[in-house]
Amino acid sequence: MSLKGTYQASSRGFGFFTPEGAVGRESDLFVPPRAEGSAWNGDVVTAETRPDPRDPARQTAVITAVVERTNRTVIGAVERRGREVWCVPSSDRMPHPVKVVGRTNAVKNGDKVAVAMSSFGSKKTPPMGTLKEVFGRDGTRKAAVEAILYNYNIEREFPAPVRAQAELEPQEVDAQAMEGRLDLREKTIITIDGASSKDFDDAVSLERDEAGNWVLGVHIADVSHYVTEHSPLDLEAWSRATSVYFADQVVPMLPVALSNGICSLNPHVDRLALSCIMTMDKTGAVLEHQIAKTAIRSTERMTYDDCNLLLADKVPELAEKYAHILPMLKDMGVLAKALEKRRRTRGALDLESQECYVVCDEQGDPVDIRVRESGESEALIESFMLAANECVARHLFDAKLPAVYRVHEKPSEDKTTTLKAMLAPLGFDLKQADNGSLQKVLDKAKGTAQAPAIHTMVLRSLMKARYDVENLGHFGLAAEYYCHFTSPIRRYPDLMVHRILTALLDGGKPARLAAAAQKAAVQSSDREVKAMNAEREIEKCYFAEYMRAHIGEEFLGAVSGVTKFGLFVALPNGVEGLVAASALPDDRYEYDEVRMTLIGARTKAVYSFGMALPVVCASADPGSGQIDFT
């Protein structure tokens, strides 16, 4: 029987065939060595099923034809063989070196390069391609980072027309742009961000009305005023869809001339904003709201560190310096706690994970890895942004307008079954994966050595959040309506939501933006995944370069993943390395796929998710991000 699907290669000669439309790994078919035909990893292929000679009850697959090639570009290291230049792929799942044809004068032996495939070879000829990009010396972190960005189509530089438009934008808000806007420049409005932040796209204010209710203002930079539809800036922002962050660097969605300039809510200067002003009772319930085009002037540029000290009454000198905003800040702390309590009561999951970050020296090299401390002011801003995002989503839904919602569906049956099996050996009996049951698991694990692993398990069991024009709710937040409104400098969906709201406020026709919203949802979901994957891969390279200075040192970690080839072990600073199954002591270990454990054939010793494990750093490769423990 002939089937269509995808071929996934391994590094050991065999592979797997995933039939089209298959759900779950149980549908995959084993592809024996030399049965892959001319297929490369990731290719769309056709295959025929045949009984496995070793186990006639099991079916295997033989690849019969390649329908579509997916490896249009191969990244690898240059190897000169006499006059010939070859590219040896970085991925061990790629089957053959590629002969580089055309101009090769610019490359040296050992360079990391990208090669555009022109032929995938035959029995008589090797695969061939032309040189596209040179990243630097293979094995270095810098070359690896540039190769990862290239692989995910993340461009550091902006095209000339985009730079030109950005440079033409005004440095100050002109009087004409102020016309028709709600003037809030006399209000006390502050930004609260990290100390190193340079672009400020959200500001907040808080007052009480005559009835004693809270009036919370969330004021967001009116980026859509400057990034107009179909302009070079807009087309480039749509293409990028998101800013990409790693270590001490950012690849921005918008040029710095805009993001750090006229679009940034810098202190003591006039700026254009789109404001969501919510009247709330003491529990944080929204009684009424107003969305308006506004003009603001930020009173102070506050940092999280300073606000945390102010809220804790720890530094009298700081309290004196900011006496003009301290009462409002204290009130914000009270309201934020009420909003958080409200979210928890309705079932929002407490999924705050430990976030680690790389500290770099002046040359950009990693010198430390630290845990990011989150205080009261960080939680305060998060609560206010969530409230605004929900309010705007509800506003768009009730008005029957196009929208780009941030959706998060409930866990699938497959993911729920897997989570139950993983939790069972750790003493957790999960009946169903609803909000309340999952939170009970998280609460029970809190403060235990297993807590990080349990948190990771629950997180992996959830569906991935994405963008959609249909309002499907947000499972993790237990929110019936949710969208992204608060970060238009770094996310395109927020910019799209602003554009729809502006069309409504200007008396235009928001309905005409329905097709653009659909395109934005699809593009942004795709680019977000690529950005997250790139950030994760780049972070591993920085971690490996840092750990290279700690080879031979012992650490206490926890098992963060179990596979048949070994254990992944995470250290408290977020570094993760592999302990190969062959390196485990005194036994041969077998993999229990259901419970995700390695069990000693003789000793019956068990290695499972979450268990504490002392390890020694054996090796670290910044070029691949691979860290090995023993």
Foldseek 3Di string as FASTA:
>chain_A
DKFKFFWAFDLPQKTWTAGPPDDDPVRIAIGHHPQAALDAHGFIFMWDWAADPVGRVGIHIGTDGTPGDDCQKFKAFWDDDPPWIWGDGPDSRGDDIETEDDDDPPDDGQWIFMWGWPACDDPVGHTYTYTDGTQGGFLALRSLLVVLCVVLVQDLDADPQQVVLLVPDDQADDPVVQPPFAECAVAAKEFEEAPPDQAAFWIWFWDADPVRWIKIKIWGFLVCVSVDPPGSLVVQLLLLQFWFDAFPDIRFSHDCSQRNGQRGQDAQGKHKTWMKIFTAHQLRDTPDIDTTTYIYHHHYHHYQVLLQCLLVVNDVVSCVVPVVCSVRSVVLLSSLVSLVVVLVVLQAAPLDAFDKHFHADPVRAGADIGTDDDGSVNSSVVSSQFSRQLVLQVVCVVVVFFAKFWEWDFFDPVLFLLLCLQCVVVPQHQDDRARVSLNVQQVVCPPPLLNNLSSLSNVVRTDDIFIDRDQPAYRNSSGSTGHRQHCVRGGVRNSLSSVLVVCVNVVHDRNVCNVVSHSSRVSSRVSVVSSVVSNVQSNLLSLLSNCQVQAFHKAKWFFNAADQQFTWTAGPSGHIATEGQVNDPDARWGADPSNRWTAGPPPRDIRGGSHIDMWGFHHGGSSRSHTHID
